[in-house]
Structures are given as C-alpha cells and as structure tokens.
ModelCIF file with pLDDT and N, C-alpha, C, O atoms, coordinates in Angstrom:
data_MODEL
#
_entry.id   MODEL 
#
_entity.id                         1 
_entity.type                       polymer 
_entity.pdbx_number_of_molecules   1 
#
_entity_poly.entity_id                      1 
_entity_poly.type                           'polypeptide(L)' 
_entity_poly.nstd_linkage                   no 
_entity_poly.nstd_monomer                   no 
_entity_poly.pdbx_seq_one_letter_code       RAYSCLEEMLAQEKPDVMHICTPHYLHVPMAVYGLTHGVHVFMEKP 
_entity_poly.pdbx_seq_one_letter_code_can   RAYSCLEEMLAQEKPDVMHICTPHYLHVPMAVYGLTHGVHVFMEKP 
_entity_poly.pdbx_strand_id                 A 
#
loop_
_entity_poly_seq.entity_id 
_entity_poly_seq.num 
_entity_poly_seq.mon_id 
_entity_poly_seq.hetero 
1 1  ARG n 
1 2  ALA n 
1 3  TYR n 
1 4  SER n 
1 5  CYS n 
1 6  LEU n 
1 7  GLU n 
1 8  GLU n 
1 9  MET n 
1 10 LEU n 
1 11 ALA n 
1 12 GLN n 
1 13 GLU n 
1 14 LYS n 
1 15 PRO n 
1 16 ASP n 
1 17 VAL n 
1 18 MET n 
1 19 HIS n 
1 20 ILE n 
1 21 CYS n 
1 22 THR n 
1 23 PRO n 
1 24 HIS n 
1 25 TYR n 
1 26 LEU n 
1 27 HIS n 
1 28 VAL n 
1 29 PRO n 
1 30 MET n 
1 31 ALA n 
1 32 VAL n 
1 33 TYR n 
1 34 GLY n 
1 35 LEU n 
1 36 THR n 
1 37 HIS n 
1 38 GLY n 
1 39 VAL n 
1 40 HIS n 
1 41 VAL n 
1 42 PHE n 
1 43 MET n 
1 44 GLU n 
1 45 LYS n 
1 46 PRO n 
#
_struct_asym.id          A 
_struct_asym.entity_id   1 
#
loop_
_ma_qa_metric.id 
_ma_qa_metric.mode 
_ma_qa_metric.name 
_ma_qa_metric.software_group_id 
_ma_qa_metric.type 
1 global pLDDT . pLDDT 
2 local  pLDDT . pLDDT 
#
_ma_qa_metric_global.metric_id      1 
_ma_qa_metric_global.metric_value   95.65 
_ma_qa_metric_global.model_id       1 
_ma_qa_metric_global.ordinal_id     1 
#
loop_
_ma_qa_metric_local.label_asym_id 
_ma_qa_metric_local.label_comp_id 
_ma_qa_metric_local.label_seq_id 
_ma_qa_metric_local.metric_id 
_ma_qa_metric_local.metric_value 
_ma_qa_metric_local.model_id 
_ma_qa_metric_local.ordinal_id 
A ARG 1  2 97.00 1 1  
A ALA 2  2 97.00 1 2  
A TYR 3  2 97.00 1 3  
A SER 4  2 95.00 1 4  
A CYS 5  2 94.00 1 5  
A LEU 6  2 96.00 1 6  
A GLU 7  2 97.00 1 7  
A GLU 8  2 97.00 1 8  
A MET 9  2 97.00 1 9  
A LEU 10 2 97.00 1 10 
A ALA 11 2 97.00 1 11 
A GLN 12 2 97.00 1 12 
A GLU 13 2 97.00 1 13 
A LYS 14 2 97.00 1 14 
A PRO 15 2 98.00 1 15 
A ASP 16 2 97.00 1 16 
A VAL 17 2 98.00 1 17 
A MET 18 2 98.00 1 18 
A HIS 19 2 97.00 1 19 
A ILE 20 2 97.00 1 20 
A CYS 21 2 95.00 1 21 
A THR 22 2 94.00 1 22 
A PRO 23 2 90.00 1 23 
A HIS 24 2 89.00 1 24 
A TYR 25 2 90.00 1 25 
A LEU 26 2 94.00 1 26 
A HIS 27 2 95.00 1 27 
A VAL 28 2 96.00 1 28 
A PRO 29 2 96.00 1 29 
A MET 30 2 97.00 1 30 
A ALA 31 2 97.00 1 31 
A VAL 32 2 97.00 1 32 
A TYR 33 2 97.00 1 33 
A GLY 34 2 97.00 1 34 
A LEU 35 2 98.00 1 35 
A THR 36 2 96.00 1 36 
A HIS 37 2 97.00 1 37 
A GLY 38 2 96.00 1 38 
A VAL 39 2 98.00 1 39 
A HIS 40 2 98.00 1 40 
A VAL 41 2 98.00 1 41 
A PHE 42 2 97.00 1 42 
A MET 43 2 95.00 1 43 
A GLU 44 2 91.00 1 44 
A LYS 45 2 88.00 1 45 
A PRO 46 2 87.00 1 46 
#
loop_
_atom_site.group_PDB 
_atom_site.id 
_atom_site.type_symbol 
_atom_site.label_atom_id 
_atom_site.label_alt_id 
_atom_site.label_comp_id 
_atom_site.label_asym_id 
_atom_site.label_entity_id 
_atom_site.label_seq_id 
_atom_site.pdbx_PDB_ins_code 
_atom_site.Cartn_x 
_atom_site.Cartn_y 
_atom_site.Cartn_z 
_atom_site.occupancy 
_atom_site.B_iso_or_equiv 
_atom_site.pdbx_formal_charge 
_atom_site.auth_seq_id 
_atom_site.auth_comp_id 
_atom_site.auth_asym_id 
_atom_site.auth_atom_id 
_atom_site.pdbx_PDB_model_num 
ATOM 1   N N  . ARG A 1 1  ? 12.955 2.164   -6.303  1.00 97.00 ? 1  ARG A N  1 
ATOM 2   C CA . ARG A 1 1  ? 13.091 3.529   -5.827  1.00 97.00 ? 1  ARG A CA 1 
ATOM 3   C C  . ARG A 1 1  ? 12.600 3.649   -4.390  1.00 97.00 ? 1  ARG A C  1 
ATOM 4   O O  . ARG A 1 1  ? 11.756 2.875   -3.938  1.00 97.00 ? 1  ARG A O  1 
ATOM 5   N N  . ALA A 1 2  ? 13.144 4.632   -3.683  1.00 97.00 ? 2  ALA A N  1 
ATOM 6   C CA . ALA A 1 2  ? 12.823 4.861   -2.276  1.00 97.00 ? 2  ALA A CA 1 
ATOM 7   C C  . ALA A 1 2  ? 11.779 5.970   -2.145  1.00 97.00 ? 2  ALA A C  1 
ATOM 8   O O  . ALA A 1 2  ? 11.815 6.974   -2.856  1.00 97.00 ? 2  ALA A O  1 
ATOM 9   N N  . TYR A 1 3  ? 10.843 5.754   -1.209  1.00 97.00 ? 3  TYR A N  1 
ATOM 10  C CA . TYR A 1 3  ? 9.806  6.745   -0.922  1.00 97.00 ? 3  TYR A CA 1 
ATOM 11  C C  . TYR A 1 3  ? 9.622  6.855   0.585   1.00 97.00 ? 3  TYR A C  1 
ATOM 12  O O  . TYR A 1 3  ? 9.831  5.896   1.329   1.00 97.00 ? 3  TYR A O  1 
ATOM 13  N N  . SER A 1 4  ? 9.229  8.038   1.009   1.00 95.00 ? 4  SER A N  1 
ATOM 14  C CA . SER A 1 4  ? 8.936  8.244   2.429   1.00 95.00 ? 4  SER A CA 1 
ATOM 15  C C  . SER A 1 4  ? 7.449  8.168   2.703   1.00 95.00 ? 4  SER A C  1 
ATOM 16  O O  . SER A 1 4  ? 7.025  8.196   3.859   1.00 95.00 ? 4  SER A O  1 
ATOM 17  N N  . CYS A 1 5  ? 6.638  8.071   1.632   1.00 94.00 ? 5  CYS A N  1 
ATOM 18  C CA . CYS A 1 5  ? 5.193  7.981   1.857   1.00 94.00 ? 5  CYS A CA 1 
ATOM 19  C C  . CYS A 1 5  ? 4.532  7.087   0.817   1.00 94.00 ? 5  CYS A C  1 
ATOM 20  O O  . CYS A 1 5  ? 4.887  7.084   -0.362  1.00 94.00 ? 5  CYS A O  1 
ATOM 21  N N  . LEU A 1 6  ? 3.569  6.339   1.298   1.00 96.00 ? 6  LEU A N  1 
ATOM 22  C CA . LEU A 1 6  ? 2.822  5.384   0.478   1.00 96.00 ? 6  LEU A CA 1 
ATOM 23  C C  . LEU A 1 6  ? 2.129  6.062   -0.702  1.00 96.00 ? 6  LEU A C  1 
ATOM 24  O O  . LEU A 1 6  ? 2.198  5.577   -1.832  1.00 96.00 ? 6  LEU A O  1 
ATOM 25  N N  . GLU A 1 7  ? 1.474  7.165   -0.440  1.00 97.00 ? 7  GLU A N  1 
ATOM 26  C CA . GLU A 1 7  ? 0.690  7.840   -1.480  1.00 97.00 ? 7  GLU A CA 1 
ATOM 27  C C  . GLU A 1 7  ? 1.564  8.254   -2.665  1.00 97.00 ? 7  GLU A C  1 
ATOM 28  O O  . GLU A 1 7  ? 1.185  8.063   -3.821  1.00 97.00 ? 7  GLU A O  1 
ATOM 29  N N  . GLU A 1 8  ? 2.729  8.819   -2.370  1.00 97.00 ? 8  GLU A N  1 
ATOM 30  C CA . GLU A 1 8  ? 3.641  9.226   -3.443  1.00 97.00 ? 8  GLU A CA 1 
ATOM 31  C C  . GLU A 1 8  ? 4.142  8.009   -4.218  1.00 97.00 ? 8  GLU A C  1 
ATOM 32  O O  . GLU A 1 8  ? 4.229  8.045   -5.445  1.00 97.00 ? 8  GLU A O  1 
ATOM 33  N N  . MET A 1 9  ? 4.468  6.939   -3.505  1.00 97.00 ? 9  MET A N  1 
ATOM 34  C CA . MET A 1 9  ? 4.963  5.738   -4.171  1.00 97.00 ? 9  MET A CA 1 
ATOM 35  C C  . MET A 1 9  ? 3.918  5.179   -5.140  1.00 97.00 ? 9  MET A C  1 
ATOM 36  O O  . MET A 1 9  ? 4.246  4.840   -6.277  1.00 97.00 ? 9  MET A O  1 
ATOM 37  N N  . LEU A 1 10 ? 2.668  5.082   -4.696  1.00 97.00 ? 10 LEU A N  1 
ATOM 38  C CA . LEU A 1 10 ? 1.626  4.543   -5.577  1.00 97.00 ? 10 LEU A CA 1 
ATOM 39  C C  . LEU A 1 10 ? 1.389  5.451   -6.778  1.00 97.00 ? 10 LEU A C  1 
ATOM 40  O O  . LEU A 1 10 ? 1.187  4.967   -7.892  1.00 97.00 ? 10 LEU A O  1 
ATOM 41  N N  . ALA A 1 11 ? 1.412  6.763   -6.561  1.00 97.00 ? 11 ALA A N  1 
ATOM 42  C CA . ALA A 1 11 ? 1.196  7.711   -7.658  1.00 97.00 ? 11 ALA A CA 1 
ATOM 43  C C  . ALA A 1 11 ? 2.326  7.640   -8.682  1.00 97.00 ? 11 ALA A C  1 
ATOM 44  O O  . ALA A 1 11 ? 2.077  7.685   -9.887  1.00 97.00 ? 11 ALA A O  1 
ATOM 45  N N  . GLN A 1 12 ? 3.549  7.532   -8.212  1.00 97.00 ? 12 GLN A N  1 
ATOM 46  C CA . GLN A 1 12 ? 4.706  7.514   -9.116  1.00 97.00 ? 12 GLN A CA 1 
ATOM 47  C C  . GLN A 1 12 ? 4.890  6.167   -9.808  1.00 97.00 ? 12 GLN A C  1 
ATOM 48  O O  . GLN A 1 12 ? 5.165  6.111   -11.007 1.00 97.00 ? 12 GLN A O  1 
ATOM 49  N N  . GLU A 1 13 ? 4.740  5.100   -9.060  1.00 97.00 ? 13 GLU A N  1 
ATOM 50  C CA . GLU A 1 13 ? 5.051  3.775   -9.598  1.00 97.00 ? 13 GLU A CA 1 
ATOM 51  C C  . GLU A 1 13 ? 3.886  3.121   -10.333 1.00 97.00 ? 13 GLU A C  1 
ATOM 52  O O  . GLU A 1 13 ? 4.104  2.327   -11.248 1.00 97.00 ? 13 GLU A O  1 
ATOM 53  N N  . LYS A 1 14 ? 2.660  3.443   -9.949  1.00 97.00 ? 14 LYS A N  1 
ATOM 54  C CA . LYS A 1 14 ? 1.479  2.797   -10.539 1.00 97.00 ? 14 LYS A CA 1 
ATOM 55  C C  . LYS A 1 14 ? 1.655  1.272   -10.580 1.00 97.00 ? 14 LYS A C  1 
ATOM 56  O O  . LYS A 1 14 ? 1.624  0.665   -11.650 1.00 97.00 ? 14 LYS A O  1 
ATOM 57  N N  . PRO A 1 15 ? 1.841  0.665   -9.398  1.00 98.00 ? 15 PRO A N  1 
ATOM 58  C CA . PRO A 1 15 ? 2.123  -0.779  -9.348  1.00 98.00 ? 15 PRO A CA 1 
ATOM 59  C C  . PRO A 1 15 ? 0.883  -1.631  -9.588  1.00 98.00 ? 15 PRO A C  1 
ATOM 60  O O  . PRO A 1 15 ? -0.248 -1.153  -9.499  1.00 98.00 ? 15 PRO A O  1 
ATOM 61  N N  . ASP A 1 16 ? 1.120  -2.894  -9.893  1.00 97.00 ? 16 ASP A N  1 
ATOM 62  C CA . ASP A 1 16 ? 0.033  -3.869  -9.967  1.00 97.00 ? 16 ASP A CA 1 
ATOM 63  C C  . ASP A 1 16 ? -0.375 -4.302  -8.565  1.00 97.00 ? 16 ASP A C  1 
ATOM 64  O O  . ASP A 1 16 ? -1.560 -4.470  -8.277  1.00 97.00 ? 16 ASP A O  1 
ATOM 65  N N  . VAL A 1 17 ? 0.631  -4.485  -7.683  1.00 98.00 ? 17 VAL A N  1 
ATOM 66  C CA . VAL A 1 17 ? 0.362  -4.993  -6.344  1.00 98.00 ? 17 VAL A CA 1 
ATOM 67  C C  . VAL A 1 17 ? 1.240  -4.286  -5.317  1.00 98.00 ? 17 VAL A C  1 
ATOM 68  O O  . VAL A 1 17 ? 2.399  -3.959  -5.575  1.00 98.00 ? 17 VAL A O  1 
ATOM 69  N N  . MET A 1 18 ? 0.656  -4.062  -4.151  1.00 98.00 ? 18 MET A N  1 
ATOM 70  C CA . MET A 1 18 ? 1.362  -3.482  -3.022  1.00 98.00 ? 18 MET A CA 1 
ATOM 71  C C  . MET A 1 18 ? 1.378  -4.494  -1.894  1.00 98.00 ? 18 MET A C  1 
ATOM 72  O O  . MET A 1 18 ? 0.342  -5.054  -1.536  1.00 98.00 ? 18 MET A O  1 
ATOM 73  N N  . HIS A 1 19 ? 2.564  -4.728  -1.329  1.00 97.00 ? 19 HIS A N  1 
ATOM 74  C CA . HIS A 1 19 ? 2.714  -5.590  -0.163  1.00 97.00 ? 19 HIS A CA 1 
ATOM 75  C C  . HIS A 1 19 ? 2.761  -4.692  1.067   1.00 97.00 ? 19 HIS A C  1 
ATOM 76  O O  . HIS A 1 19 ? 3.586  -3.783  1.151   1.00 97.00 ? 19 HIS A O  1 
ATOM 77  N N  . ILE A 1 20 ? 1.874  -4.950  2.014   1.00 97.00 ? 20 ILE A N  1 
ATOM 78  C CA . ILE A 1 20 ? 1.821  -4.154  3.246   1.00 97.00 ? 20 ILE A CA 1 
ATOM 79  C C  . ILE A 1 20 ? 2.539  -4.917  4.346   1.00 97.00 ? 20 ILE A C  1 
ATOM 80  O O  . ILE A 1 20 ? 2.094  -5.979  4.781   1.00 97.00 ? 20 ILE A O  1 
ATOM 81  N N  . CYS A 1 21 ? 3.668  -4.349  4.791   1.00 95.00 ? 21 CYS A N  1 
ATOM 82  C CA . CYS A 1 21 ? 4.521  -4.974  5.813   1.00 95.00 ? 21 CYS A CA 1 
ATOM 83  C C  . CYS A 1 21 ? 4.750  -3.993  6.966   1.00 95.00 ? 21 CYS A C  1 
ATOM 84  O O  . CYS A 1 21 ? 5.862  -3.878  7.482   1.00 95.00 ? 21 CYS A O  1 
ATOM 85  N N  . THR A 1 22 ? 3.726  -3.314  7.346   1.00 94.00 ? 22 THR A N  1 
ATOM 86  C CA . THR A 1 22 ? 3.795  -2.270  8.367   1.00 94.00 ? 22 THR A CA 1 
ATOM 87  C C  . THR A 1 22 ? 3.231  -2.785  9.690   1.00 94.00 ? 22 THR A C  1 
ATOM 88  O O  . THR A 1 22 ? 2.706  -3.897  9.749   1.00 94.00 ? 22 THR A O  1 
ATOM 89  N N  . PRO A 1 23 ? 3.335  -1.983  10.750  1.00 90.00 ? 23 PRO A N  1 
ATOM 90  C CA . PRO A 1 23 ? 2.651  -2.358  11.992  1.00 90.00 ? 23 PRO A CA 1 
ATOM 91  C C  . PRO A 1 23 ? 1.157  -2.583  11.742  1.00 90.00 ? 23 PRO A C  1 
ATOM 92  O O  . PRO A 1 23 ? 0.552  -1.941  10.883  1.00 90.00 ? 23 PRO A O  1 
ATOM 93  N N  . HIS A 1 24 ? 0.581  -3.503  12.506  1.00 89.00 ? 24 HIS A N  1 
ATOM 94  C CA . HIS A 1 24 ? -0.782 -3.974  12.254  1.00 89.00 ? 24 HIS A CA 1 
ATOM 95  C C  . HIS A 1 24 ? -1.839 -2.875  12.238  1.00 89.00 ? 24 HIS A C  1 
ATOM 96  O O  . HIS A 1 24 ? -2.810 -2.987  11.489  1.00 89.00 ? 24 HIS A O  1 
ATOM 97  N N  . TYR A 1 25 ? -1.690 -1.832  13.024  1.00 90.00 ? 25 TYR A N  1 
ATOM 98  C CA . TYR A 1 25 ? -2.716 -0.794  13.058  1.00 90.00 ? 25 TYR A CA 1 
ATOM 99  C C  . TYR A 1 25 ? -2.764 0.031   11.769  1.00 90.00 ? 25 TYR A C  1 
ATOM 100 O O  . TYR A 1 25 ? -3.703 0.800   11.568  1.00 90.00 ? 25 TYR A O  1 
ATOM 101 N N  . LEU A 1 26 ? -1.773 -0.118  10.903  1.00 94.00 ? 26 LEU A N  1 
ATOM 102 C CA . LEU A 1 26 ? -1.764 0.584   9.616   1.00 94.00 ? 26 LEU A CA 1 
ATOM 103 C C  . LEU A 1 26 ? -2.287 -0.269  8.465   1.00 94.00 ? 26 LEU A C  1 
ATOM 104 O O  . LEU A 1 26 ? -2.502 0.250   7.370   1.00 94.00 ? 26 LEU A O  1 
ATOM 105 N N  . HIS A 1 27 ? -2.494 -1.556  8.685   1.00 95.00 ? 27 HIS A N  1 
ATOM 106 C CA . HIS A 1 27 ? -2.878 -2.457  7.602   1.00 95.00 ? 27 HIS A CA 1 
ATOM 107 C C  . HIS A 1 27 ? -4.139 -2.017  6.884   1.00 95.00 ? 27 HIS A C  1 
ATOM 108 O O  . HIS A 1 27 ? -4.131 -1.883  5.660   1.00 95.00 ? 27 HIS A O  1 
ATOM 109 N N  . VAL A 1 28 ? -5.215 -1.791  7.607   1.00 96.00 ? 28 VAL A N  1 
ATOM 110 C CA . VAL A 1 28 ? -6.493 -1.474  6.956   1.00 96.00 ? 28 VAL A CA 1 
ATOM 111 C C  . VAL A 1 28 ? -6.457 -0.124  6.240   1.00 96.00 ? 28 VAL A C  1 
ATOM 112 O O  . VAL A 1 28 ? -6.835 -0.064  5.070   1.00 96.00 ? 28 VAL A O  1 
ATOM 113 N N  . PRO A 1 29 ? -6.024 0.954   6.881   1.00 96.00 ? 29 PRO A N  1 
ATOM 114 C CA . PRO A 1 29 ? -6.001 2.219   6.136   1.00 96.00 ? 29 PRO A CA 1 
ATOM 115 C C  . PRO A 1 29 ? -5.178 2.138   4.849   1.00 96.00 ? 29 PRO A C  1 
ATOM 116 O O  . PRO A 1 29 ? -5.564 2.700   3.824   1.00 96.00 ? 29 PRO A O  1 
ATOM 117 N N  . MET A 1 30 ? -4.054 1.444   4.906   1.00 97.00 ? 30 MET A N  1 
ATOM 118 C CA . MET A 1 30 ? -3.216 1.320   3.712   1.00 97.00 ? 30 MET A CA 1 
ATOM 119 C C  . MET A 1 30 ? -3.854 0.420   2.666   1.00 97.00 ? 30 MET A C  1 
ATOM 120 O O  . MET A 1 30 ? -3.788 0.713   1.473   1.00 97.00 ? 30 MET A O  1 
ATOM 121 N N  . ALA A 1 31 ? -4.470 -0.669  3.102   1.00 97.00 ? 31 ALA A N  1 
ATOM 122 C CA . ALA A 1 31 ? -5.141 -1.568  2.161   1.00 97.00 ? 31 ALA A CA 1 
ATOM 123 C C  . ALA A 1 31 ? -6.302 -0.857  1.472   1.00 97.00 ? 31 ALA A C  1 
ATOM 124 O O  . ALA A 1 31 ? -6.476 -0.970  0.258   1.00 97.00 ? 31 ALA A O  1 
ATOM 125 N N  . VAL A 1 32 ? -7.085 -0.132  2.245   1.00 97.00 ? 32 VAL A N  1 
ATOM 126 C CA . VAL A 1 32 ? -8.212 0.619   1.666   1.00 97.00 ? 32 VAL A CA 1 
ATOM 127 C C  . VAL A 1 32 ? -7.694 1.629   0.657   1.00 97.00 ? 32 VAL A C  1 
ATOM 128 O O  . VAL A 1 32 ? -8.261 1.776   -0.426  1.00 97.00 ? 32 VAL A O  1 
ATOM 129 N N  . TYR A 1 33 ? -6.632 2.319   1.003   1.00 97.00 ? 33 TYR A N  1 
ATOM 130 C CA . TYR A 1 33 ? -6.055 3.310   0.084   1.00 97.00 ? 33 TYR A CA 1 
ATOM 131 C C  . TYR A 1 33 ? -5.619 2.627   -1.214  1.00 97.00 ? 33 TYR A C  1 
ATOM 132 O O  . TYR A 1 33 ? -5.926 3.106   -2.305  1.00 97.00 ? 33 TYR A O  1 
ATOM 133 N N  . GLY A 1 34 ? -4.914 1.529   -1.092  1.00 97.00 ? 34 GLY A N  1 
ATOM 134 C CA . GLY A 1 34 ? -4.463 0.826   -2.288  1.00 97.00 ? 34 GLY A CA 1 
ATOM 135 C C  . GLY A 1 34 ? -5.605 0.328   -3.151  1.00 97.00 ? 34 GLY A C  1 
ATOM 136 O O  . GLY A 1 34 ? -5.618 0.539   -4.364  1.00 97.00 ? 34 GLY A O  1 
ATOM 137 N N  . LEU A 1 35 ? -6.563 -0.332  -2.523  1.00 98.00 ? 35 LEU A N  1 
ATOM 138 C CA . LEU A 1 35 ? -7.706 -0.869  -3.270  1.00 98.00 ? 35 LEU A CA 1 
ATOM 139 C C  . LEU A 1 35 ? -8.500 0.234   -3.971  1.00 98.00 ? 35 LEU A C  1 
ATOM 140 O O  . LEU A 1 35 ? -8.937 0.058   -5.108  1.00 98.00 ? 35 LEU A O  1 
ATOM 141 N N  . THR A 1 36 ? -8.685 1.355   -3.304  1.00 96.00 ? 36 THR A N  1 
ATOM 142 C CA . THR A 1 36 ? -9.457 2.457   -3.902  1.00 96.00 ? 36 THR A CA 1 
ATOM 143 C C  . THR A 1 36 ? -8.646 3.243   -4.929  1.00 96.00 ? 36 THR A C  1 
ATOM 144 O O  . THR A 1 36 ? -9.182 4.114   -5.613  1.00 96.00 ? 36 THR A O  1 
ATOM 145 N N  . HIS A 1 37 ? -7.370 2.937   -5.033  1.00 97.00 ? 37 HIS A N  1 
ATOM 146 C CA . HIS A 1 37 ? -6.524 3.571   -6.041  1.00 97.00 ? 37 HIS A CA 1 
ATOM 147 C C  . HIS A 1 37 ? -6.048 2.578   -7.099  1.00 97.00 ? 37 HIS A C  1 
ATOM 148 O O  . HIS A 1 37 ? -5.033 2.797   -7.760  1.00 97.00 ? 37 HIS A O  1 
ATOM 149 N N  . GLY A 1 38 ? -6.791 1.490   -7.247  1.00 96.00 ? 38 GLY A N  1 
ATOM 150 C CA . GLY A 1 38 ? -6.560 0.568   -8.349  1.00 96.00 ? 38 GLY A CA 1 
ATOM 151 C C  . GLY A 1 38 ? -5.373 -0.362  -8.218  1.00 96.00 ? 38 GLY A C  1 
ATOM 152 O O  . GLY A 1 38 ? -4.792 -0.771  -9.223  1.00 96.00 ? 38 GLY A O  1 
ATOM 153 N N  . VAL A 1 39 ? -5.000 -0.706  -6.976  1.00 98.00 ? 39 VAL A N  1 
ATOM 154 C CA . VAL A 1 39 ? -3.838 -1.565  -6.745  1.00 98.00 ? 39 VAL A CA 1 
ATOM 155 C C  . VAL A 1 39 ? -4.283 -2.829  -6.013  1.00 98.00 ? 39 VAL A C  1 
ATOM 156 O O  . VAL A 1 39 ? -5.026 -2.760  -5.034  1.00 98.00 ? 39 VAL A O  1 
ATOM 157 N N  . HIS A 1 40 ? -3.825 -3.974  -6.490  1.00 98.00 ? 40 HIS A N  1 
ATOM 158 C CA . HIS A 1 40 ? -4.024 -5.210  -5.737  1.00 98.00 ? 40 HIS A CA 1 
ATOM 159 C C  . HIS A 1 40 ? -3.222 -5.091  -4.444  1.00 98.00 ? 40 HIS A C  1 
ATOM 160 O O  . HIS A 1 40 ? -2.178 -4.440  -4.418  1.00 98.00 ? 40 HIS A O  1 
ATOM 161 N N  . VAL A 1 41 ? -3.708 -5.719  -3.370  1.00 98.00 ? 41 VAL A N  1 
ATOM 162 C CA . VAL A 1 41 ? -3.063 -5.602  -2.070  1.00 98.00 ? 41 VAL A CA 1 
ATOM 163 C C  . VAL A 1 41 ? -2.791 -6.984  -1.492  1.00 98.00 ? 41 VAL A C  1 
ATOM 164 O O  . VAL A 1 41 ? -3.655 -7.860  -1.495  1.00 98.00 ? 41 VAL A O  1 
ATOM 165 N N  . PHE A 1 42 ? -1.574 -7.157  -0.997  1.00 97.00 ? 42 PHE A N  1 
ATOM 166 C CA . PHE A 1 42 ? -1.203 -8.363  -0.264  1.00 97.00 ? 42 PHE A CA 1 
ATOM 167 C C  . PHE A 1 42 ? -0.712 -7.881  1.088   1.00 97.00 ? 42 PHE A C  1 
ATOM 168 O O  . PHE A 1 42 ? 0.270  -7.143  1.168   1.00 97.00 ? 42 PHE A O  1 
ATOM 169 N N  . MET A 1 43 ? -1.392 -8.295  2.156   1.00 95.00 ? 43 MET A N  1 
ATOM 170 C CA . MET A 1 43 ? -1.066 -7.742  3.469   1.00 95.00 ? 43 MET A CA 1 
ATOM 171 C C  . MET A 1 43 ? -0.686 -8.798  4.481   1.00 95.00 ? 43 MET A C  1 
ATOM 172 O O  . MET A 1 43 ? -1.146 -9.938  4.438   1.00 95.00 ? 43 MET A O  1 
ATOM 173 N N  . GLU A 1 44 ? 0.172  -8.378  5.392   1.00 91.00 ? 44 GLU A N  1 
ATOM 174 C CA . GLU A 1 44 ? 0.586  -9.223  6.502   1.00 91.00 ? 44 GLU A CA 1 
ATOM 175 C C  . GLU A 1 44 ? -0.557 -9.348  7.497   1.00 91.00 ? 44 GLU A C  1 
ATOM 176 O O  . GLU A 1 44 ? -1.534 -8.600  7.448   1.00 91.00 ? 44 GLU A O  1 
ATOM 177 N N  . LYS A 1 45 ? -0.416 -10.294 8.386   1.00 88.00 ? 45 LYS A N  1 
ATOM 178 C CA . LYS A 1 45 ? -1.400 -10.489 9.438   1.00 88.00 ? 45 LYS A CA 1 
ATOM 179 C C  . LYS A 1 45 ? -1.080 -9.584  10.619  1.00 88.00 ? 45 LYS A C  1 
ATOM 180 O O  . LYS A 1 45 ? 0.072  -9.172  10.758  1.00 88.00 ? 45 LYS A O  1 
ATOM 181 N N  . PRO A 1 46 ? -1.994 -9.273  11.432  1.00 87.00 ? 46 PRO A N  1 
ATOM 182 C CA . PRO A 1 46 ? -3.426 -9.560  11.280  1.00 87.00 ? 46 PRO A CA 1 
ATOM 183 C C  . PRO A 1 46 ? -4.030 -8.600  10.269  1.00 87.00 ? 46 PRO A C  1 
ATOM 184 O O  . PRO A 1 46 ? -5.227 -8.668  9.991   1.00 87.00 ? 46 PRO A O  1 
#
C-alpha cells in the first residue's frame, strides 16, 4: 500500500521492520520514531 507519511504507514501496517531509504538528514528522526514505536529498523548510510 502507498502512504504519504511514515507515521500513518507504521500505524496502519504495524510492520516488523522498516527500511529507511530517505535523504541522510532524515535517517535519525525516522529511526528513533520507528524504534520507539516497536519496529525494527534497517537504515541506509550514513
């Protein structure tokens, strides 16, 4: 399914793992959000 925002996607899908493939300045905020919402996180570098 398609989503325009990370928060809605995590709430609706309740995934086991989220892959972060965004620009680098978004990696940490998104990873923190995922981890604090019970999702394993796999992120791109840096």
